[in-house]
C-alpha atoms as a PDB file:
ATOM      1  CA  MET A   1       7.428  34.364  10.112  1.00  0.00           C
ATOM      2  CA  SER A   2       3.988  32.767  10.175  1.00  0.00           C
ATOM      3  CA  CYS A   3       0.725  34.446   9.194  1.00  0.00           C
ATOM      4  CA  LYS A   4      -2.741  33.840  10.577  1.00  0.00           C
ATOM      5  CA  VAL A   5      -5.691  32.968   8.331  1.00  0.00           C
ATOM      6  CA  HIS A   6      -9.300  33.493   9.400  1.00  0.00           C
ATOM      7  CA  VAL A   7     -11.896  31.502   7.434  1.00  0.00           C
ATOM      8  CA  ASP A   8     -15.289  32.994   6.678  1.00  0.00           C
ATOM      9  CA  PRO A   9     -18.006  31.909   7.366  1.00  0.00           C
ATOM     10  CA  SER A  10     -16.881  29.075   9.676  1.00  0.00           C
ATOM     11  CA  GLY A  11     -14.688  31.259  11.909  1.00  0.00           C
ATOM     12  CA  HIS A  12     -11.863  28.713  11.888  1.00  0.00           C
ATOM     13  CA  GLU A  13      -8.329  30.048  12.144  1.00  0.00           C
ATOM     14  CA  PHE A  14      -4.957  28.523  11.331  1.00  0.00           C
ATOM     15  CA  SER A  15      -1.357  29.596  10.870  1.00  0.00           C
ATOM     16  CA  VAL A  16       0.658  29.476   7.651  1.00  0.00           C
ATOM     17  CA  ASP A  17       4.419  29.033   7.852  1.00  0.00           C
ATOM     18  CA  THR A  18       6.848  30.886   5.610  1.00  0.00           C
ATOM     19  CA  GLY A  19       6.991  29.234   2.179  1.00  0.00           C
ATOM     20  CA  GLU A  20       3.739  27.336   2.756  1.00  0.00           C
ATOM     21  CA  SER A  21       0.578  27.669   0.676  1.00  0.00           C
ATOM     22  CA  VAL A  22      -2.777  28.473   2.255  1.00  0.00           C
ATOM     23  CA  LEU A  23      -4.146  25.061   1.231  1.00  0.00           C
ATOM     24  CA  THR A  24      -1.185  23.109   2.608  1.00  0.00           C
ATOM     25  CA  ALA A  25      -1.452  24.910   5.935  1.00  0.00           C
ATOM     26  CA  ALA A  26      -5.218  24.373   6.123  1.00  0.00           C
ATOM     27  CA  LEU A  27      -4.823  20.631   5.532  1.00  0.00           C
ATOM     28  CA  ARG A  28      -1.980  20.443   8.040  1.00  0.00           C
ATOM     29  CA  HIS A  29      -4.361  21.848  10.654  1.00  0.00           C
ATOM     30  CA  GLY A  30      -7.078  19.358   9.701  1.00  0.00           C
ATOM     31  CA  LEU A  31      -9.314  21.776   7.772  1.00  0.00           C
ATOM     32  CA  ILE A  32     -10.619  20.327   4.508  1.00  0.00           C
ATOM     33  CA  ILE A  33     -11.210  22.846   1.729  1.00  0.00           C
ATOM     34  CA  PRO A  34     -11.760  21.938  -1.934  1.00  0.00           C
ATOM     35  CA  TYR A  35      -8.816  21.084  -4.167  1.00  0.00           C
ATOM     36  CA  GLY A  36      -8.022  18.900  -7.139  1.00  0.00           C
ATOM     37  CA  CYS A  37      -4.513  18.899  -8.588  1.00  0.00           C
ATOM     38  CA  ARG A  38      -2.633  20.996  -5.991  1.00  0.00           C
ATOM     39  CA  ASN A  39      -0.482  22.469  -8.779  1.00  0.00           C
ATOM     40  CA  GLY A  40      -2.671  25.396  -9.849  1.00  0.00           C
ATOM     41  CA  ALA A  41      -4.027  23.854 -13.044  1.00  0.00           C
ATOM     42  CA  CYS A  42      -7.615  22.912 -12.186  1.00  0.00           C
ATOM     43  CA  GLY A  43      -8.905  25.859 -10.143  1.00  0.00           C
ATOM     44  CA  ALA A  44     -10.833  23.676  -7.670  1.00  0.00           C
ATOM     45  CA  CYS A  45      -9.164  25.407  -4.717  1.00  0.00           C
ATOM     46  CA  LYS A  46     -10.230  28.900  -5.783  1.00  0.00           C
ATOM     47  CA  GLY A  47     -11.659  31.179  -3.067  1.00  0.00           C
ATOM     48  CA  ASN A  48     -12.001  34.799  -2.035  1.00  0.00           C
ATOM     49  CA  VAL A  49      -9.413  36.864  -0.175  1.00  0.00           C
ATOM     50  CA  LEU A  50     -11.503  39.301   1.869  1.00  0.00           C
ATOM     51  CA  LYS A  51      -8.631  40.905   3.759  1.00  0.00           C
ATOM     52  CA  GLY A  52      -4.869  40.831   3.246  1.00  0.00           C
ATOM     53  CA  LYS A  53      -2.720  39.968   0.246  1.00  0.00           C
ATOM     54  CA  VAL A  54      -1.196  36.820  -1.244  1.00  0.00           C
ATOM     55  CA  HIS A  55       1.556  36.175  -3.744  1.00  0.00           C
ATOM     56  CA  TYR A  56       2.590  33.324  -6.043  1.00  0.00           C
ATOM     57  CA  PRO A  57       6.320  32.563  -5.666  1.00  0.00           C
ATOM     58  CA  SER A  58       6.224  30.125  -8.598  1.00  0.00           C
ATOM     59  CA  GLY A  59       4.208  32.470 -10.799  1.00  0.00           C
ATOM     60  CA  LYS A  60       0.476  32.817 -11.301  1.00  0.00           C
ATOM     61  CA  ARG A  61      -1.176  29.705 -12.789  1.00  0.00           C
ATOM     62  CA  SER A  62      -3.531  29.590 -15.770  1.00  0.00           C
ATOM     63  CA  ALA A  63      -6.519  28.610 -13.619  1.00  0.00           C
ATOM     64  CA  LEU A  64      -6.548  32.139 -12.165  1.00  0.00           C
ATOM     65  CA  SER A  65      -7.495  34.742 -14.752  1.00  0.00           C
ATOM     66  CA  ASP A  66      -6.774  38.459 -14.467  1.00  0.00           C
ATOM     67  CA  GLU A  67     -10.518  38.958 -13.954  1.00  0.00           C
ATOM     68  CA  ASP A  68     -10.530  36.419 -11.113  1.00  0.00           C
ATOM     69  CA  GLU A  69      -7.622  38.138  -9.422  1.00  0.00           C
ATOM     70  CA  ALA A  70      -9.234  41.577  -9.815  1.00  0.00           C
ATOM     71  CA  ALA A  71     -12.375  40.166  -8.155  1.00  0.00           C
ATOM     72  CA  GLY A  72     -10.338  39.083  -5.123  1.00  0.00           C
ATOM     73  CA  LEU A  73     -10.070  35.370  -5.967  1.00  0.00           C
ATOM     74  CA  ALA A  74      -6.970  33.311  -5.241  1.00  0.00           C
ATOM     75  CA  LEU A  75      -5.683  29.810  -5.937  1.00  0.00           C
ATOM     76  CA  PHE A  76      -5.125  28.601  -2.400  1.00  0.00           C
ATOM     77  CA  CYS A  77      -2.975  25.617  -3.450  1.00  0.00           C
ATOM     78  CA  GLN A  78      -0.379  28.095  -4.746  1.00  0.00           C
ATOM     79  CA  ALA A  79      -1.068  31.351  -2.877  1.00  0.00           C
ATOM     80  CA  GLU A  80       1.174  32.278   0.048  1.00  0.00           C
ATOM     81  CA  PRO A  81       0.121  35.084   2.415  1.00  0.00           C
ATOM     82  CA  LEU A  82       2.059  38.307   2.639  1.00  0.00           C
ATOM     83  CA  ALA A  83       0.273  39.177   5.904  1.00  0.00           C
ATOM     84  CA  ASP A  84      -2.637  37.908   7.991  1.00  0.00           C
ATOM     85  CA  LEU A  85      -5.616  36.944   5.816  1.00  0.00           C
ATOM     86  CA  THR A  86      -9.369  36.651   5.962  1.00  0.00           C
ATOM     87  CA  ILE A  87     -10.595  34.274   3.287  1.00  0.00           C
ATOM     88  CA  GLN A  88     -13.974  33.007   2.164  1.00  0.00           C
ATOM     89  CA  VAL A  89     -14.017  29.383   1.102  1.00  0.00           C
ATOM     90  CA  ARG A  90     -16.268  26.356   1.443  1.00  0.00           C
ATOM     91  CA  GLU A  91     -15.171  23.767   3.983  1.00  0.00           C
ATOM     92  CA  ILE A  92     -15.940  20.144   3.178  1.00  0.00           C
ATOM     93  CA  ARG A  93     -17.938  18.394   5.897  1.00  0.00           C
ATOM     94  CA  THR A  94     -19.627  15.406   4.215  1.00  0.00           C
ATOM     95  CA  ALA A  95     -18.677  12.707   1.720  1.00  0.00           C
ATOM     96  CA  THR A  96     -21.187  14.011  -0.836  1.00  0.00           C
ATOM     97  CA  GLU A  97     -19.064  17.140  -1.252  1.00  0.00           C
ATOM     98  CA  VAL A  98     -15.945  15.219  -2.352  1.00  0.00           C
ATOM     99  CA  GLU A  99     -15.396  14.596  -6.058  1.00  0.00           C
ATOM    100  CA  THR A 100     -14.991  10.964  -7.166  1.00  0.00           C
ATOM    101  CA  LYS A 101     -12.232  10.356  -9.718  1.00  0.00           C
ATOM    102  CA  ARG A 102     -10.876   7.527 -11.865  1.00  0.00           C
ATOM    103  CA  LEU A 103      -7.090   7.670 -12.007  1.00  0.00           C
ATOM    104  CA  PRO A 104      -4.022   5.585 -12.776  1.00  0.00           C
ATOM    105  CA  CYS A 105      -1.559   5.102  -9.945  1.00  0.00           C
ATOM    106  CA  ARG A 106       1.938   3.700  -9.531  1.00  0.00           C
ATOM    107  CA  VAL A 107       3.010   1.406  -6.711  1.00  0.00           C
ATOM    108  CA  VAL A 108       6.008   3.244  -5.256  1.00  0.00           C
ATOM    109  CA  LYS A 109       6.594   1.146  -2.134  1.00  0.00           C
ATOM    110  CA  MET A 110       5.546  -2.244  -0.768  1.00  0.00           C
ATOM    111  CA  GLU A 111       6.131  -3.071   2.886  1.00  0.00           C
ATOM    112  CA  ARG A 112       5.174  -6.359   4.527  1.00  0.00           C
ATOM    113  CA  LEU A 113       3.901  -5.366   7.963  1.00  0.00           C
ATOM    114  CA  THR A 114       3.268  -8.905   9.165  1.00  0.00           C
ATOM    115  CA  HIS A 115       2.877 -12.391   7.729  1.00  0.00           C
ATOM    116  CA  ASP A 116      -0.434 -11.531   6.032  1.00  0.00           C
ATOM    117  CA  VAL A 117      -0.588  -7.718   5.817  1.00  0.00           C
ATOM    118  CA  MET A 118       1.059  -5.666   3.063  1.00  0.00           C
ATOM    119  CA  ARG A 119       1.280  -1.887   3.120  1.00  0.00           C
ATOM    120  CA  LEU A 120       1.112  -0.295  -0.335  1.00  0.00           C
ATOM    121  CA  TYR A 121       2.012   3.297  -1.125  1.00  0.00           C
ATOM    122  CA  LEU A 122       0.465   4.597  -4.345  1.00  0.00           C
ATOM    123  CA  LYS A 123       1.475   7.669  -6.353  1.00  0.00           C
ATOM    124  CA  LEU A 124      -0.985   9.489  -8.594  1.00  0.00           C
ATOM    125  CA  PRO A 125       0.027  11.400 -11.748  1.00  0.00           C
ATOM    126  CA  GLU A 126       1.860  14.648 -11.032  1.00  0.00           C
ATOM    127  CA  SER A 127      -1.129  16.672 -12.232  1.00  0.00           C
ATOM    128  CA  GLU A 128      -3.609  14.951  -9.888  1.00  0.00           C
ATOM    129  CA  ARG A 129      -4.412  14.590  -6.205  1.00  0.00           C
ATOM    130  CA  LEU A 130      -7.208  12.564  -4.638  1.00  0.00           C
ATOM    131  CA  GLN A 131      -9.147  14.594  -2.110  1.00  0.00           C
ATOM    132  CA  PHE A 132     -10.786  12.432   0.555  1.00  0.00           C
ATOM    133  CA  LEU A 133     -12.118  12.410   4.084  1.00  0.00           C
ATOM    134  CA  ALA A 134     -10.208  10.394   6.671  1.00  0.00           C
ATOM    135  CA  GLY A 135     -11.672   6.877   6.752  1.00  0.00           C
ATOM    136  CA  GLN A 136     -12.946   6.688   3.163  1.00  0.00           C
ATOM    137  CA  TYR A 137     -11.890   3.983   0.685  1.00  0.00           C
ATOM    138  CA  ILE A 138     -10.848   3.531  -2.930  1.00  0.00           C
ATOM    139  CA  GLU A 139     -11.596   0.718  -5.381  1.00  0.00           C
ATOM    140  CA  PHE A 140      -9.094  -0.859  -7.747  1.00  0.00           C
ATOM    141  CA  LEU A 141     -10.501  -1.378 -11.257  1.00  0.00           C
ATOM    142  CA  LEU A 142      -9.335  -4.763 -12.521  1.00  0.00           C
ATOM    143  CA  LYS A 143      -8.993  -5.793 -16.155  1.00  0.00           C
ATOM    144  CA  ASP A 144     -11.829  -8.329 -15.935  1.00  0.00           C
ATOM    145  CA  GLY A 145     -14.274  -5.646 -14.752  1.00  0.00           C
ATOM    146  CA  ARG A 146     -14.190  -6.617 -11.098  1.00  0.00           C
ATOM    147  CA  ARG A 147     -13.377  -4.188  -8.297  1.00  0.00           C
ATOM    148  CA  ARG A 148     -11.471  -4.527  -5.057  1.00  0.00           C
ATOM    149  CA  ALA A 149     -12.084  -2.050  -2.239  1.00  0.00           C
ATOM    150  CA  PHE A 150      -9.517  -0.954   0.357  1.00  0.00           C
ATOM    151  CA  SER A 151      -9.627   1.789   2.959  1.00  0.00           C
ATOM    152  CA  ILE A 152      -7.231   4.726   2.810  1.00  0.00           C
ATOM    153  CA  ALA A 153      -4.918   4.554   5.819  1.00  0.00           C
ATOM    154  CA  ASN A 154      -3.448   8.056   5.716  1.00  0.00           C
ATOM    155  CA  ALA A 155      -4.995  11.387   6.700  1.00  0.00           C
ATOM    156  CA  PRO A 156      -6.127  14.027   4.172  1.00  0.00           C
ATOM    157  CA  HIS A 157      -3.305  16.433   4.982  1.00  0.00           C
ATOM    158  CA  ASP A 158      -0.729  13.742   4.153  1.00  0.00           C
ATOM    159  CA  ASP A 159      -1.819  13.089   0.570  1.00  0.00           C
ATOM    160  CA  ASP A 160       1.447  12.899  -1.385  1.00  0.00           C
ATOM    161  CA  LEU A 161       0.863   9.135  -1.493  1.00  0.00           C
ATOM    162  CA  ILE A 162      -2.136   6.897  -0.833  1.00  0.00           C
ATOM    163  CA  GLU A 163      -1.500   4.306   1.884  1.00  0.00           C
ATOM    164  CA  LEU A 164      -3.371   0.988   1.939  1.00  0.00           C
ATOM    165  CA  HIS A 165      -3.159  -2.030   4.283  1.00  0.00           C
ATOM    166  CA  ILE A 166      -3.976  -5.203   2.356  1.00  0.00           C
ATOM    167  CA  ARG A 167      -4.575  -8.483   4.113  1.00  0.00           C
ATOM    168  CA  HIS A 168      -3.714 -11.664   2.196  1.00  0.00           C
ATOM    169  CA  VAL A 169      -6.820 -13.766   1.665  1.00  0.00           C
ATOM    170  CA  PRO A 170      -5.806 -17.268   0.533  1.00  0.00           C
ATOM    171  CA  GLY A 171      -7.551 -17.947  -2.765  1.00  0.00           C
ATOM    172  CA  GLY A 172      -8.369 -14.292  -3.272  1.00  0.00           C
ATOM    173  CA  SER A 173      -7.205 -13.515  -6.787  1.00  0.00           C
ATOM    174  CA  PHE A 174      -6.268  -9.888  -6.131  1.00  0.00           C
ATOM    175  CA  THR A 175      -4.543 -10.353  -2.792  1.00  0.00           C
ATOM    176  CA  ASP A 176      -2.687 -13.402  -4.167  1.00  0.00           C
ATOM    177  CA  HIS A 177      -1.485 -11.087  -6.936  1.00  0.00           C
ATOM    178  CA  VAL A 178      -0.417  -8.418  -4.423  1.00  0.00           C
ATOM    179  CA  PHE A 179       1.582 -10.838  -2.280  1.00  0.00           C
ATOM    180  CA  ASN A 180       3.044 -13.016  -5.023  1.00  0.00           C
ATOM    181  CA  GLU A 181       3.303 -10.991  -8.234  1.00  0.00           C
ATOM    182  CA  LEU A 182       2.861  -7.247  -7.734  1.00  0.00           C
ATOM    183  CA  LYS A 183       6.070  -5.229  -7.962  1.00  0.00           C
ATOM    184  CA  GLU A 184       7.055  -1.673  -7.173  1.00  0.00           C
ATOM    185  CA  LYS A 185       6.548   0.622 -10.192  1.00  0.00           C
ATOM    186  CA  SER A 186       3.496  -1.411 -11.293  1.00  0.00           C
ATOM    187  CA  ILE A 187       0.593   0.619 -12.666  1.00  0.00           C
ATOM    188  CA  LEU A 188      -2.943   0.125 -11.331  1.00  0.00           C
ATOM    189  CA  ARG A 189      -6.211   1.976 -11.855  1.00  0.00           C
ATOM    190  CA  LEU A 190      -8.391   3.205  -9.024  1.00  0.00           C
ATOM    191  CA  GLU A 191     -11.632   5.042  -8.424  1.00  0.00           C
ATOM    192  CA  GLY A 192     -12.641   6.962  -5.335  1.00  0.00           C
ATOM    193  CA  PRO A 193     -13.017   8.104  -2.732  1.00  0.00           C
ATOM    194  CA  PHE A 194     -16.144   6.331  -1.503  1.00  0.00           C
ATOM    195  CA  GLY A 195     -17.890   5.756   1.805  1.00  0.00           C
ATOM    196  CA  ASN A 196     -19.575   7.493   4.711  1.00  0.00           C
ATOM    197  CA  PHE A 197     -17.081   6.285   7.308  1.00  0.00           C
ATOM    198  CA  TYR A 198     -15.370   9.479   8.418  1.00  0.00           C
ATOM    199  CA  LEU A 199     -14.997  11.589  11.543  1.00  0.00           C
ATOM    200  CA  ARG A 200     -18.065  13.686  12.439  1.00  0.00           C
ATOM    201  CA  GLU A 201     -16.280  16.832  13.518  1.00  0.00           C
ATOM    202  CA  ASP A 202     -19.425  18.720  14.561  1.00  0.00           C
ATOM    203  CA  SER A 203     -20.105  16.322  17.464  1.00  0.00           C
ATOM    204  CA  ASP A 204     -18.860  16.959  20.997  1.00  0.00           C
ATOM    205  CA  ARG A 205     -19.422  13.370  22.224  1.00  0.00           C
ATOM    206  CA  PRO A 206     -16.546  11.150  23.401  1.00  0.00           C
ATOM    207  CA  ILE A 207     -15.393   8.672  20.767  1.00  0.00           C
ATOM    208  CA  VAL A 208     -14.876   4.914  20.831  1.00  0.00           C
ATOM    209  CA  LEU A 209     -13.009   3.488  17.830  1.00  0.00           C
ATOM    210  CA  MET A 210     -13.100  -0.298  17.368  1.00  0.00           C
ATOM    211  CA  ALA A 211     -10.940  -2.050  14.786  1.00  0.00           C
ATOM    212  CA  GLY A 212     -10.629  -5.666  13.794  1.00  0.00           C
ATOM    213  CA  GLY A 213      -7.570  -6.748  11.796  1.00  0.00           C
ATOM    214  CA  THR A 214      -6.920  -4.399   8.876  1.00  0.00           C
ATOM    215  CA  GLY A 215     -10.000  -2.447   9.924  1.00  0.00           C
ATOM    216  CA  PHE A 216      -7.253  -0.529  11.691  1.00  0.00           C
ATOM    217  CA  ALA A 217      -6.424   1.182   8.358  1.00  0.00           C
ATOM    218  CA  PRO A 218      -9.305   3.698   8.105  1.00  0.00           C
ATOM    219  CA  ILE A 219      -9.191   4.288  11.852  1.00  0.00           C
ATOM    220  CA  LYS A 220      -5.478   5.134  11.550  1.00  0.00           C
ATOM    221  CA  GLY A 221      -6.443   7.837   9.039  1.00  0.00           C
ATOM    222  CA  ILE A 222      -9.164   9.153  11.348  1.00  0.00           C
ATOM    223  CA  ILE A 223      -6.804   9.347  14.337  1.00  0.00           C
ATOM    224  CA  GLU A 224      -4.073  11.095  12.356  1.00  0.00           C
ATOM    225  CA  HIS A 225      -6.686  13.576  11.139  1.00  0.00           C
ATOM    226  CA  ALA A 226      -7.841  14.101  14.744  1.00  0.00           C
ATOM    227  CA  ILE A 227      -4.237  14.828  15.756  1.00  0.00           C
ATOM    228  CA  ALA A 228      -3.979  17.419  12.969  1.00  0.00           C
ATOM    229  CA  LEU A 229      -7.234  18.982  14.184  1.00  0.00           C
ATOM    230  CA  GLY A 230      -6.005  19.126  17.773  1.00  0.00           C
ATOM    231  CA  LEU A 231      -9.145  17.231  18.792  1.00  0.00           C
ATOM    232  CA  GLU A 232      -9.800  17.482  22.521  1.00  0.00           C
ATOM    233  CA  ARG A 233     -12.663  14.983  22.837  1.00  0.00           C
ATOM    234  CA  PRO A 234     -11.824  11.731  24.658  1.00  0.00           C
ATOM    235  CA  VAL A 235     -10.876   9.011  22.130  1.00  0.00           C
ATOM    236  CA  ASP A 236     -10.422   5.301  22.896  1.00  0.00           C
ATOM    237  CA  LEU A 237      -9.099   2.846  20.316  1.00  0.00           C
ATOM    238  CA  TYR A 238      -9.897  -0.843  20.852  1.00  0.00           C
ATOM    239  CA  TRP A 239      -8.050  -3.032  18.336  1.00  0.00           C
ATOM    240  CA  GLY A 240      -9.013  -6.685  18.248  1.00  0.00           C
ATOM    241  CA  VAL A 241      -6.696  -9.248  16.635  1.00  0.00           C
ATOM    242  CA  ARG A 242      -5.953 -12.928  17.093  1.00  0.00           C
ATOM    243  CA  ALA A 243      -2.373 -12.853  18.430  1.00  0.00           C
ATOM    244  CA  LYS A 244       0.306 -10.295  19.252  1.00  0.00           C
ATOM    245  CA  ARG A 245       1.955 -10.586  15.829  1.00  0.00           C
ATOM    246  CA  ASP A 246      -1.273  -9.285  14.248  1.00  0.00           C
ATOM    247  CA  LEU A 247      -0.848  -5.892  15.963  1.00  0.00           C
ATOM    248  CA  TYR A 248       1.140  -4.852  12.920  1.00  0.00           C
ATOM    249  CA  LEU A 249       1.520  -1.171  13.875  1.00  0.00           C
ATOM    250  CA  GLY A 250       1.010  -1.522  17.588  1.00  0.00           C
ATOM    251  CA  GLU A 251       3.894   0.781  18.531  1.00  0.00           C
ATOM    252  CA  LEU A 252       2.461   3.524  16.329  1.00  0.00           C
ATOM    253  CA  ALA A 253      -0.958   3.144  17.951  1.00  0.00           C
ATOM    254  CA  ALA A 254       0.590   3.324  21.418  1.00  0.00           C
ATOM    255  CA  SER A 255       2.525   6.475  20.446  1.00  0.00           C
ATOM    256  CA  TRP A 256      -0.723   8.350  19.774  1.00  0.00           C
ATOM    257  CA  GLU A 257      -1.235   8.573  23.530  1.00  0.00           C
ATOM    258  CA  GLN A 258       1.533  11.199  23.425  1.00  0.00           C
ATOM    259  CA  SER A 259       0.145  13.004  20.358  1.00  0.00           C
ATOM    260  CA  LEU A 260      -3.580  13.276  21.092  1.00  0.00           C
ATOM    261  CA  ALA A 261      -5.089  14.593  24.299  1.00  0.00           C
ATOM    262  CA  HIS A 262      -7.357  12.152  26.151  1.00  0.00           C
ATOM    263  CA  PHE A 263      -6.436   9.174  23.924  1.00  0.00           C
ATOM    264  CA  ARG A 264      -6.220   5.542  25.084  1.00  0.00           C
ATOM    265  CA  PHE A 265      -5.085   2.485  23.115  1.00  0.00           C
ATOM    266  CA  ILE A 266      -6.522  -0.865  24.225  1.00  0.00           C
ATOM    267  CA  PRO A 267      -5.332  -3.903  22.207  1.00  0.00           C
ATOM    268  CA  VAL A 268      -7.420  -7.056  22.661  1.00  0.00           C
ATOM    269  CA  LEU A 269      -6.218 -10.543  21.676  1.00  0.00           C
ATOM    270  CA  SER A 270      -8.763 -13.297  21.038  1.00  0.00           C
ATOM    271  CA  GLU A 271      -6.226 -16.180  20.846  1.00  0.00           C
ATOM    272  CA  PRO A 272      -2.864 -15.044  22.247  1.00  0.00           C
ATOM    273  CA  ALA A 273      -0.003 -17.418  21.480  1.00  0.00           C
ATOM    274  CA  ARG A 274       2.011 -18.937  24.326  1.00  0.00           C
ATOM    275  CA  GLU A 275       5.102 -17.046  23.191  1.00  0.00           C
ATOM    276  CA  ASP A 276       3.186 -13.741  23.325  1.00  0.00           C
ATOM    277  CA  ASP A 277       3.459 -13.723  27.126  1.00  0.00           C
ATOM    278  CA  TRP A 278       0.372 -11.520  26.971  1.00  0.00           C
ATOM    279  CA  THR A 279      -0.866  -9.764  30.107  1.00  0.00           C
ATOM    280  CA  GLY A 280      -3.311  -7.398  28.382  1.00  0.00           C
ATOM    281  CA  ARG A 281      -6.981  -7.743  27.479  1.00  0.00           C
ATOM    282  CA  THR A 282      -8.271 -10.951  25.897  1.00  0.00           C
ATOM    283  CA  GLY A 283     -11.520 -12.138  24.340  1.00  0.00           C
ATOM    284  CA  TRP A 284     -13.782 -10.411  21.834  1.00  0.00           C
ATOM    285  CA  VAL A 285     -13.045  -6.769  21.232  1.00  0.00           C
ATOM    286  CA  HIS A 286     -16.682  -5.614  21.430  1.00  0.00           C
ATOM    287  CA  ASP A 287     -16.984  -7.265  24.854  1.00  0.00           C
ATOM    288  CA  ALA A 288     -13.957  -5.265  26.025  1.00  0.00           C
ATOM    289  CA  VAL A 289     -15.683  -2.054  24.952  1.00  0.00           C
ATOM    290  CA  VAL A 290     -18.882  -2.677  26.924  1.00  0.00           C
ATOM    291  CA  ALA A 291     -16.914  -3.980  29.920  1.00  0.00           C
ATOM    292  CA  ASP A 292     -15.357  -0.495  30.109  1.00  0.00           C
ATOM    293  CA  TYR A 293     -18.466   1.403  28.995  1.00  0.00           C
ATOM    294  CA  PRO A 294     -21.669  -0.442  29.921  1.00  0.00           C
ATOM    295  CA  ASP A 295     -23.629   2.741  29.071  1.00  0.00           C
ATOM    296  CA  LEU A 296     -22.777   4.040  25.589  1.00  0.00           C
ATOM    297  CA  SER A 297     -25.705   6.436  25.315  1.00  0.00           C
ATOM    298  CA  GLY A 298     -23.459   9.518  25.271  1.00  0.00           C
ATOM    299  CA  PHE A 299     -20.841   8.242  22.768  1.00  0.00           C
ATOM    300  CA  ASP A 300     -19.992   8.210  19.071  1.00  0.00           C
ATOM    301  CA  VAL A 301     -18.749   4.754  18.037  1.00  0.00           C
ATOM    302  CA  TYR A 302     -16.784   3.952  14.866  1.00  0.00           C
ATOM    303  CA  MET A 303     -16.122   0.341  13.789  1.00  0.00           C
ATOM    304  CA  GLY A 304     -13.859  -0.985  11.050  1.00  0.00           C
ATOM    305  CA  GLY A 305     -13.321  -4.680  10.442  1.00  0.00           C
ATOM    306  CA  PRO A 306     -14.826  -7.990   9.291  1.00  0.00           C
ATOM    307  CA  PRO A 307     -18.623  -8.418   9.148  1.00  0.00           C
ATOM    308  CA  PRO A 308     -18.917 -10.771  12.189  1.00  0.00           C
ATOM    309  CA  MET A 309     -17.171  -8.191  14.387  1.00  0.00           C
ATOM    310  CA  VAL A 310     -19.271  -5.346  12.999  1.00  0.00           C
ATOM    311  CA  GLU A 311     -22.537  -7.242  13.432  1.00  0.00           C
ATOM    312  CA  ALA A 312     -21.651  -8.274  16.988  1.00  0.00           C
ATOM    313  CA  GLY A 313     -20.685  -4.711  17.797  1.00  0.00           C
ATOM    314  CA  LYS A 314     -23.893  -3.248  16.383  1.00  0.00           C
ATOM    315  CA  LYS A 315     -26.054  -5.563  18.480  1.00  0.00           C
ATOM    316  CA  THR A 316     -24.018  -5.203  21.680  1.00  0.00           C
ATOM    317  CA  PHE A 317     -23.579  -1.437  21.497  1.00  0.00           C
ATOM    318  CA  VAL A 318     -27.240  -0.691  20.788  1.00  0.00           C
ATOM    319  CA  GLU A 319     -28.143  -2.892  23.763  1.00  0.00           C
ATOM    320  CA  ALA A 320     -25.712  -0.752  25.790  1.00  0.00           C
ATOM    321  CA  GLY A 321     -27.719   2.361  24.928  1.00  0.00           C
ATOM    322  CA  LEU A 322     -25.876   3.637  21.842  1.00  0.00           C
ATOM    323  CA  ALA A 323     -28.158   5.502  19.456  1.00  0.00           C
ATOM    324  CA  GLU A 324     -27.926   3.972  15.969  1.00  0.00           C
ATOM    325  CA  ASP A 325     -27.381   7.381  14.391  1.00  0.00           C
ATOM    326  CA  HIS A 326     -24.179   7.695  16.434  1.00  0.00           C
ATOM    327  CA  LEU A 327     -22.818   4.344  15.198  1.00  0.00           C
ATOM    328  CA  TYR A 328     -20.594   4.458  12.105  1.00  0.00           C
ATOM    329  CA  PHE A 329     -19.025   1.391  10.522  1.00  0.00           C
ATOM    330  CA  ASP A 330     -16.992   0.086   7.612  1.00  0.00           C
ATOM    331  CA  SER A 331     -17.512  -3.642   7.100  1.00  0.00           C
ATOM    332  CA  PHE A 332     -14.664  -5.573   5.412  1.00  0.00           C
ATOM    333  CA  GLU A 333     -15.961  -8.535   3.415  1.00  0.00           C
ATOM    334  CA  PHE A 334     -13.148 -10.979   2.679  1.00  0.00           C
ATOM    335  CA  ALA A 335     -14.943 -13.645   0.617  1.00  0.00           C
ATOM    336  CA  ALA A 336     -12.627 -14.480  -2.271  1.00  0.00           C
ATOM    337  CA  ASP A 337     -15.377 -14.795  -4.903  1.00  0.00           C
ATOM    338  CA  VAL A 338     -17.178 -11.515  -4.109  1.00  0.00           C
ATOM    339  CA  PRO A 339     -16.243  -8.631  -6.404  1.00  0.00           C
ATOM    340  CA  GLY A 340     -14.753  -5.698  -4.545  1.00  0.00           C
ATOM    341  CA  THR A 341     -13.344  -7.661  -1.643  1.00  0.00           C
ATOM    342  CA  ALA A 342     -10.279  -9.841  -2.076  1.00  0.00           C
END
């Protein structure tokens, strides 16, 4: 039997399934409330229970004192409702509210998605979780002091592992290492999350998402978060790549049309191969956007991809009436000798 949780002061409501913690249910519904370890040790998820009762099937954790419990506080990562609840807890809306951490991680799975894109799944220590907003990125800390930045490709509610899409840059020392030397079970160090590229949930404007290459990664996280939210605003995803083989998760992107109301997926190939037998859109992806929407004055636009695409999009979309404060972008710099990129 599920219970209903009402959040004060936002007024949001969500359901909690039997055997599910309040935090897990909130994240599943796309609501981001503070947490750290998700095992009851840190106390970051602590909040007030204003109405109703909770219990701790695995036992009360040390982060919740008897005094806390007497004052009506609960550890939402562990607490399960016994009946409908009203809780008081801060909801995270901006990147400045998310704690940045330095953590070791283990590579638990490597999957080559196409000839030059590798998907990595990273596992943090059992006592840690990385809280992030959909679309943010992490940085690997290398032994020589350099950093390499990659966007998180999963949504916040699906945080058992961190998913990255890494494009092989010939001559890039880190991506050469990933494609030629890195093995499953390897240990890396990361810091994050970083970035202001995330879904603005307080807007009611229709959304255009534009990705170039592995700029699809943060946008994937944003869309999966939107699905969890039950977002009802119109959302169009334009994904620009060179040839059909570069649409490395094209079937997944197409499937979102069944999962998200008012969603369209528009792949755009700049140089389709003869064997692609392509009948879809061609050319530059930003041109495809303005061909469909010559007036962008009422939209929110999110861009993820290489700098030339981002710069072209900025110029073209502003000329099409888009207000600059409704344009959000994550620019992927691939130069092999620039720290934090390859």
